[in-house]
C-alpha atoms as a PDB file:
ATOM      1  CA  MET A   1     246.537  55.576 -46.751  1.00  0.00           C
ATOM      2  CA  LYS A   2     249.015  57.243 -44.374  1.00  0.00           C
ATOM      3  CA  ILE A   3     247.495  55.310 -41.460  1.00  0.00           C
ATOM      4  CA  SER A   4     247.876  52.005 -43.343  1.00  0.00           C
ATOM      5  CA  VAL A   5     251.539  52.687 -44.155  1.00  0.00           C
ATOM      6  CA  LEU A   6     252.225  53.655 -40.533  1.00  0.00           C
ATOM      7  CA  ALA A   7     250.547  50.458 -39.302  1.00  0.00           C
ATOM      8  CA  LEU A   8     252.709  48.356 -41.609  1.00  0.00           C
ATOM      9  CA  LEU A   9     255.888  50.061 -40.392  1.00  0.00           C
ATOM     10  CA  VAL A  10     254.942  49.525 -36.747  1.00  0.00           C
ATOM     11  CA  ALA A  11     254.185  45.854 -37.408  1.00  0.00           C
ATOM     12  CA  ALA A  12     257.500  45.378 -39.196  1.00  0.00           C
ATOM     13  CA  CYS A  13     259.495  46.955 -36.362  1.00  0.00           C
ATOM     14  CA  ALA A  14     257.665  45.210 -33.513  1.00  0.00           C
ATOM     15  CA  PRO A  15     259.466  42.291 -31.778  1.00  0.00           C
ATOM     16  CA  VAL A  16     258.477  38.838 -32.906  1.00  0.00           C
ATOM     17  CA  ALA A  17     256.134  37.232 -30.373  1.00  0.00           C
ATOM     18  CA  ALA A  18     257.210  34.001 -28.773  1.00  0.00           C
ATOM     19  CA  SER A  19     255.238  31.219 -30.386  1.00  0.00           C
ATOM     20  CA  ALA A  20     254.400  28.016 -28.561  1.00  0.00           C
ATOM     21  CA  HIS A  21     254.506  24.413 -29.724  1.00  0.00           C
ATOM     22  CA  GLN A  22     252.959  23.481 -33.064  1.00  0.00           C
ATOM     23  CA  ALA A  23     252.605  20.331 -35.159  1.00  0.00           C
ATOM     24  CA  GLY A  24     255.930  19.393 -36.747  1.00  0.00           C
ATOM     25  CA  ASP A  25     258.097  21.119 -34.131  1.00  0.00           C
ATOM     26  CA  PHE A  26     261.198  19.320 -32.863  1.00  0.00           C
ATOM     27  CA  PHE A  27     262.890  20.598 -29.753  1.00  0.00           C
ATOM     28  CA  MET A  28     265.473  19.516 -27.178  1.00  0.00           C
ATOM     29  CA  ARG A  29     265.604  20.355 -23.473  1.00  0.00           C
ATOM     30  CA  ALA A  30     268.703  20.100 -21.268  1.00  0.00           C
ATOM     31  CA  GLY A  31     269.119  20.655 -17.540  1.00  0.00           C
ATOM     32  CA  SER A  32     269.563  19.043 -14.155  1.00  0.00           C
ATOM     33  CA  ALA A  33     267.762  15.752 -13.498  1.00  0.00           C
ATOM     34  CA  THR A  34     267.608  14.530  -9.903  1.00  0.00           C
ATOM     35  CA  VAL A  35     266.534  10.944  -9.196  1.00  0.00           C
ATOM     36  CA  ARG A  36     265.003  10.523  -5.733  1.00  0.00           C
ATOM     37  CA  PRO A  37     264.111   6.883  -4.923  1.00  0.00           C
ATOM     38  CA  THR A  38     260.963   6.408  -2.834  1.00  0.00           C
ATOM     39  CA  GLY A  39     260.632   2.623  -2.556  1.00  0.00           C
ATOM     40  CA  GLY A  40     262.200  -0.041  -0.397  1.00  0.00           C
ATOM     41  CA  SER A  41     263.112  -3.694  -0.539  1.00  0.00           C
ATOM     42  CA  ASP A  42     262.577  -7.036   1.117  1.00  0.00           C
ATOM     43  CA  ASN A  43     264.490  -7.625   4.330  1.00  0.00           C
ATOM     44  CA  VAL A  44     268.215  -7.997   3.642  1.00  0.00           C
ATOM     45  CA  LEU A  45     269.844 -10.698   5.800  1.00  0.00           C
ATOM     46  CA  GLY A  46     267.647  -9.688   8.733  1.00  0.00           C
ATOM     47  CA  LEU A  47     269.139  -6.165   8.746  1.00  0.00           C
ATOM     48  CA  GLY A  48     266.303  -4.197   7.162  1.00  0.00           C
ATOM     49  CA  GLU A  49     265.645  -2.647   3.746  1.00  0.00           C
ATOM     50  CA  PHE A  50     268.108  -1.253   1.243  1.00  0.00           C
ATOM     51  CA  ASP A  51     268.718   2.483   1.421  1.00  0.00           C
ATOM     52  CA  ILE A  52     269.400   4.136  -1.996  1.00  0.00           C
ATOM     53  CA  ASN A  53     270.622   7.725  -2.183  1.00  0.00           C
ATOM     54  CA  ASN A  54     269.605  10.534  -4.557  1.00  0.00           C
ATOM     55  CA  ASN A  55     271.721  11.495  -7.541  1.00  0.00           C
ATOM     56  CA  THR A  56     271.744  14.442  -9.979  1.00  0.00           C
ATOM     57  CA  GLN A  57     272.978  14.294 -13.575  1.00  0.00           C
ATOM     58  CA  LEU A  58     272.574  16.100 -16.888  1.00  0.00           C
ATOM     59  CA  GLY A  59     269.130  15.326 -18.269  1.00  0.00           C
ATOM     60  CA  LEU A  60     268.175  15.519 -21.949  1.00  0.00           C
ATOM     61  CA  THR A  61     264.760  15.281 -23.566  1.00  0.00           C
ATOM     62  CA  PHE A  62     263.918  15.145 -27.274  1.00  0.00           C
ATOM     63  CA  THR A  63     260.358  15.993 -28.316  1.00  0.00           C
ATOM     64  CA  TYR A  64     258.471  15.868 -31.608  1.00  0.00           C
ATOM     65  CA  MET A  65     255.020  17.437 -31.853  1.00  0.00           C
ATOM     66  CA  LEU A  66     252.624  15.214 -33.798  1.00  0.00           C
ATOM     67  CA  THR A  67     249.872  17.847 -33.514  1.00  0.00           C
ATOM     68  CA  ASP A  68     249.542  21.204 -31.749  1.00  0.00           C
ATOM     69  CA  HIS A  69     248.585  19.296 -28.581  1.00  0.00           C
ATOM     70  CA  VAL A  70     250.196  15.833 -28.845  1.00  0.00           C
ATOM     71  CA  GLY A  71     253.918  15.237 -28.494  1.00  0.00           C
ATOM     72  CA  VAL A  72     256.258  12.251 -28.239  1.00  0.00           C
ATOM     73  CA  GLU A  73     259.251  12.624 -25.948  1.00  0.00           C
ATOM     74  CA  LEU A  74     262.377  10.568 -25.205  1.00  0.00           C
ATOM     75  CA  LEU A  75     264.178  11.119 -21.909  1.00  0.00           C
ATOM     76  CA  GLY A  76     267.909  10.469 -21.634  1.00  0.00           C
ATOM     77  CA  ALA A  77     270.640  11.428 -19.174  1.00  0.00           C
ATOM     78  CA  THR A  78     274.248  10.952 -18.258  1.00  0.00           C
ATOM     79  CA  PRO A  79     274.586   7.812 -16.085  1.00  0.00           C
ATOM     80  CA  PHE A  80     273.144   8.043 -12.581  1.00  0.00           C
ATOM     81  CA  ARG A  81     275.335   6.764  -9.731  1.00  0.00           C
ATOM     82  CA  HIS A  82     273.626   5.551  -6.551  1.00  0.00           C
ATOM     83  CA  LYS A  83     275.070   4.462  -3.229  1.00  0.00           C
ATOM     84  CA  VAL A  84     273.251   1.442  -1.778  1.00  0.00           C
ATOM     85  CA  GLY A  85     273.460   0.309   1.814  1.00  0.00           C
ATOM     86  CA  LEU A  86     271.660  -0.458   5.041  1.00  0.00           C
ATOM     87  CA  ALA A  87     270.911   1.777   8.011  1.00  0.00           C
ATOM     88  CA  SER A  88     273.061  -0.402  10.274  1.00  0.00           C
ATOM     89  CA  THR A  89     276.064  -0.697   7.953  1.00  0.00           C
ATOM     90  CA  GLY A  90     276.170   2.460   5.844  1.00  0.00           C
ATOM     91  CA  THR A  91     277.038   2.287   2.154  1.00  0.00           C
ATOM     92  CA  LEU A  92     277.842  -1.211   0.890  1.00  0.00           C
ATOM     93  CA  ALA A  93     277.858  -0.804  -2.882  1.00  0.00           C
ATOM     94  CA  THR A  94     277.661   1.552  -5.832  1.00  0.00           C
ATOM     95  CA  VAL A  95     275.275   1.023  -8.746  1.00  0.00           C
ATOM     96  CA  HIS A  96     275.096   2.890 -12.065  1.00  0.00           C
ATOM     97  CA  GLN A  97     271.892   3.106 -14.102  1.00  0.00           C
ATOM     98  CA  LEU A  98     270.438   4.659 -17.243  1.00  0.00           C
ATOM     99  CA  PRO A  99     266.631   5.116 -17.451  1.00  0.00           C
ATOM    100  CA  PRO A 100     265.609   5.889 -21.071  1.00  0.00           C
ATOM    101  CA  THR A 101     261.895   6.675 -21.071  1.00  0.00           C
ATOM    102  CA  LEU A 102     259.460   7.191 -23.964  1.00  0.00           C
ATOM    103  CA  MET A 103     256.401   9.346 -23.303  1.00  0.00           C
ATOM    104  CA  ALA A 104     253.194  10.318 -25.097  1.00  0.00           C
ATOM    105  CA  GLN A 105     252.272  13.853 -24.019  1.00  0.00           C
ATOM    106  CA  TRP A 106     249.250  16.121 -24.062  1.00  0.00           C
ATOM    107  CA  TYR A 107     249.799  19.918 -24.154  1.00  0.00           C
ATOM    108  CA  PHE A 108     246.781  21.719 -22.709  1.00  0.00           C
ATOM    109  CA  MET A 109     247.024  25.274 -24.073  1.00  0.00           C
ATOM    110  CA  ASP A 110     246.486  26.633 -27.578  1.00  0.00           C
ATOM    111  CA  ASN A 111     249.542  27.533 -29.638  1.00  0.00           C
ATOM    112  CA  ASN A 112     249.490  31.282 -28.944  1.00  0.00           C
ATOM    113  CA  SER A 113     250.186  30.845 -25.223  1.00  0.00           C
ATOM    114  CA  LYS A 114     253.700  31.284 -23.832  1.00  0.00           C
ATOM    115  CA  LEU A 115     252.833  28.973 -20.926  1.00  0.00           C
ATOM    116  CA  GLN A 116     252.479  25.321 -21.969  1.00  0.00           C
ATOM    117  CA  PRO A 117     251.529  22.898 -19.170  1.00  0.00           C
ATOM    118  CA  TYR A 118     251.539  19.251 -20.209  1.00  0.00           C
ATOM    119  CA  ALA A 119     251.172  15.710 -18.906  1.00  0.00           C
ATOM    120  CA  GLY A 120     252.471  12.420 -20.238  1.00  0.00           C
ATOM    121  CA  ILE A 121     252.428   8.681 -19.779  1.00  0.00           C
ATOM    122  CA  GLY A 122     254.807   6.117 -21.189  1.00  0.00           C
ATOM    123  CA  VAL A 123     257.247   3.298 -20.597  1.00  0.00           C
ATOM    124  CA  ASN A 124     260.605   3.212 -18.844  1.00  0.00           C
ATOM    125  CA  TYR A 125     263.489   0.792 -19.340  1.00  0.00           C
ATOM    126  CA  THR A 126     266.183   1.015 -16.661  1.00  0.00           C
ATOM    127  CA  MET A 127     269.592  -0.526 -17.356  1.00  0.00           C
ATOM    128  CA  PHE A 128     271.836  -1.272 -14.376  1.00  0.00           C
ATOM    129  CA  TYR A 129     275.563  -1.748 -14.840  1.00  0.00           C
ATOM    130  CA  ASP A 130     278.959  -1.321 -13.157  1.00  0.00           C
ATOM    131  CA  THR A 131     277.608  -2.685  -9.872  1.00  0.00           C
ATOM    132  CA  ASP A 132     280.208  -3.375  -7.211  1.00  0.00           C
ATOM    133  CA  PHE A 133     280.547  -3.750  -3.458  1.00  0.00           C
ATOM    134  CA  ASN A 134     282.847  -1.301  -1.697  1.00  0.00           C
ATOM    135  CA  GLN A 135     285.363  -2.350   0.933  1.00  0.00           C
ATOM    136  CA  THR A 136     282.700  -2.312   3.660  1.00  0.00           C
ATOM    137  CA  GLY A 137     280.608  -4.751   1.654  1.00  0.00           C
ATOM    138  CA  ARG A 138     283.533  -7.010   0.873  1.00  0.00           C
ATOM    139  CA  ASP A 139     284.616  -7.021   4.533  1.00  0.00           C
ATOM    140  CA  ALA A 140     281.084  -8.159   5.405  1.00  0.00           C
ATOM    141  CA  GLY A 141     281.521 -11.187   3.112  1.00  0.00           C
ATOM    142  CA  LEU A 142     279.417  -9.895   0.195  1.00  0.00           C
ATOM    143  CA  SER A 143     280.364 -10.513  -3.438  1.00  0.00           C
ATOM    144  CA  ASN A 144     279.107 -11.077  -7.024  1.00  0.00           C
ATOM    145  CA  LEU A 145     276.602  -8.217  -7.037  1.00  0.00           C
ATOM    146  CA  SER A 146     274.130  -7.943  -9.926  1.00  0.00           C
ATOM    147  CA  VAL A 147     270.965  -5.879 -10.490  1.00  0.00           C
ATOM    148  CA  LYS A 148     268.302  -6.951 -12.989  1.00  0.00           C
ATOM    149  CA  ASN A 149     267.199  -4.485 -15.681  1.00  0.00           C
ATOM    150  CA  SER A 150     263.637  -3.228 -15.336  1.00  0.00           C
ATOM    151  CA  TRP A 151     260.599  -2.347 -17.493  1.00  0.00           C
ATOM    152  CA  GLY A 152     257.893  -0.161 -15.993  1.00  0.00           C
ATOM    153  CA  VAL A 153     255.242   2.517 -16.471  1.00  0.00           C
ATOM    154  CA  ALA A 154     256.212   6.201 -16.202  1.00  0.00           C
ATOM    155  CA  GLY A 155     254.139   9.349 -15.681  1.00  0.00           C
ATOM    156  CA  GLN A 156     255.001  13.014 -16.070  1.00  0.00           C
ATOM    157  CA  VAL A 157     253.737  16.565 -15.566  1.00  0.00           C
ATOM    158  CA  GLY A 158     255.622  19.616 -16.806  1.00  0.00           C
ATOM    159  CA  LEU A 159     255.551  23.249 -17.828  1.00  0.00           C
ATOM    160  CA  ASP A 160     257.296  25.143 -20.650  1.00  0.00           C
ATOM    161  CA  TYR A 161     257.604  28.925 -20.717  1.00  0.00           C
ATOM    162  CA  GLN A 162     258.384  30.302 -24.156  1.00  0.00           C
ATOM    163  CA  LEU A 163     261.050  33.064 -24.075  1.00  0.00           C
ATOM    164  CA  THR A 164     261.525  33.493 -27.851  1.00  0.00           C
ATOM    165  CA  PRO A 165     260.351  31.511 -30.884  1.00  0.00           C
ATOM    166  CA  GLN A 166     263.342  29.209 -30.308  1.00  0.00           C
ATOM    167  CA  TRP A 167     264.097  29.255 -26.559  1.00  0.00           C
ATOM    168  CA  MET A 168     262.033  28.064 -23.594  1.00  0.00           C
ATOM    169  CA  LEU A 169     262.398  27.328 -19.885  1.00  0.00           C
ATOM    170  CA  ASN A 170     261.158  23.993 -18.525  1.00  0.00           C
ATOM    171  CA  ALA A 171     260.322  22.340 -15.215  1.00  0.00           C
ATOM    172  CA  SER A 172     258.956  18.805 -15.034  1.00  0.00           C
ATOM    173  CA  LEU A 173     258.317  16.001 -12.568  1.00  0.00           C
ATOM    174  CA  TRP A 174     258.496  12.317 -13.497  1.00  0.00           C
ATOM    175  CA  TYR A 175     257.500   9.161 -11.642  1.00  0.00           C
ATOM    176  CA  MET A 176     258.974   5.821 -12.732  1.00  0.00           C
ATOM    177  CA  ASP A 177     257.906   2.329 -11.723  1.00  0.00           C
ATOM    178  CA  ILE A 178     261.294   0.592 -11.307  1.00  0.00           C
ATOM    179  CA  ASN A 179     261.156  -2.854  -9.713  1.00  0.00           C
ATOM    180  CA  THR A 180     264.229  -5.062  -9.806  1.00  0.00           C
ATOM    181  CA  LYS A 181     266.039  -7.946  -8.135  1.00  0.00           C
ATOM    182  CA  VAL A 182     269.354  -7.363  -6.389  1.00  0.00           C
ATOM    183  CA  ARG A 183     271.404 -10.563  -6.279  1.00  0.00           C
ATOM    184  CA  PHE A 184     274.628 -11.217  -4.392  1.00  0.00           C
ATOM    185  CA  ASP A 185     276.548 -13.887  -2.517  1.00  0.00           C
ATOM    186  CA  ALA A 186     276.760 -13.634   1.273  1.00  0.00           C
ATOM    187  CA  ALA A 187     279.384 -15.637   3.136  1.00  0.00           C
ATOM    188  CA  GLY A 188     277.623 -18.343   5.161  1.00  0.00           C
ATOM    189  CA  ALA A 189     274.190 -17.516   3.706  1.00  0.00           C
ATOM    190  CA  GLY A 190     274.567 -18.415   0.019  1.00  0.00           C
ATOM    191  CA  ARG A 191     273.109 -16.610  -2.980  1.00  0.00           C
ATOM    192  CA  GLN A 192     270.588 -13.882  -2.110  1.00  0.00           C
ATOM    193  CA  SER A 193     267.846 -12.405  -4.327  1.00  0.00           C
ATOM    194  CA  ILE A 194     266.213  -9.281  -2.895  1.00  0.00           C
ATOM    195  CA  ASP A 195     263.098  -7.755  -4.484  1.00  0.00           C
ATOM    196  CA  THR A 196     263.783  -4.019  -4.607  1.00  0.00           C
ATOM    197  CA  HIS A 197     261.348  -1.228  -5.467  1.00  0.00           C
ATOM    198  CA  ILE A 198     263.196   1.955  -6.433  1.00  0.00           C
ATOM    199  CA  ASN A 199     260.159   3.846  -7.814  1.00  0.00           C
ATOM    200  CA  PRO A 200     261.818   7.271  -8.041  1.00  0.00           C
ATOM    201  CA  PHE A 201     260.570  10.765  -8.614  1.00  0.00           C
ATOM    202  CA  VAL A 202     262.739  12.607 -11.134  1.00  0.00           C
ATOM    203  CA  PHE A 203     262.930  16.411 -10.878  1.00  0.00           C
ATOM    204  CA  PHE A 204     264.001  18.213 -14.065  1.00  0.00           C
ATOM    205  CA  PHE A 205     264.856  21.914 -14.450  1.00  0.00           C
ATOM    206  CA  GLY A 206     266.349  23.256 -17.656  1.00  0.00           C
ATOM    207  CA  ALA A 207     266.057  25.127 -20.915  1.00  0.00           C
ATOM    208  CA  GLY A 208     264.859  24.041 -24.344  1.00  0.00           C
ATOM    209  CA  TYR A 209     265.555  24.961 -27.952  1.00  0.00           C
ATOM    210  CA  ARG A 210     263.321  24.524 -30.989  1.00  0.00           C
ATOM    211  CA  PHE A 211     265.092  23.456 -34.199  1.00  0.00           C
END
């Protein structure tokens, strides 16, 4: 009897173990999201392919666990800002984009593991806006820049580490199929339409909270 009472007291005073994802959980992750384009474009006015720089913003993901192993996640972020140019001219324009992405995920471990590796596949919709040539572009006779919005497939691998029942650390890698058309007017050459393949990797590092 004394042993049983002692065991109950020890159990009551012990720290609560960090529990992993379970059916019905809803959690949000926030952290740095870096978009690193990997693609290229058709030849631009005989001067080569577009060069698009990396950009880092605040990334947000919202996940709902349908089962202990299957989740649905929505990726959002503050607007990404990319400089676009050519090797021979430098930066010619600035383009803003938002890439909301919906993923179906599979979590590999059982729900008593603090480490939760996962993989996902889904669809990405990239919205381009606030596109404008800088002074270098305008001096080169370029105007009326537009970038077509894009639908594409997205893939993901990631890892959560559960710190407490509510808090977790996260690292994930995304790949997005982003193909678009960049259109602009070039003095003496008329309206141009350049097939452009951005196809970025997105690196995410952050923390998550279960509600």
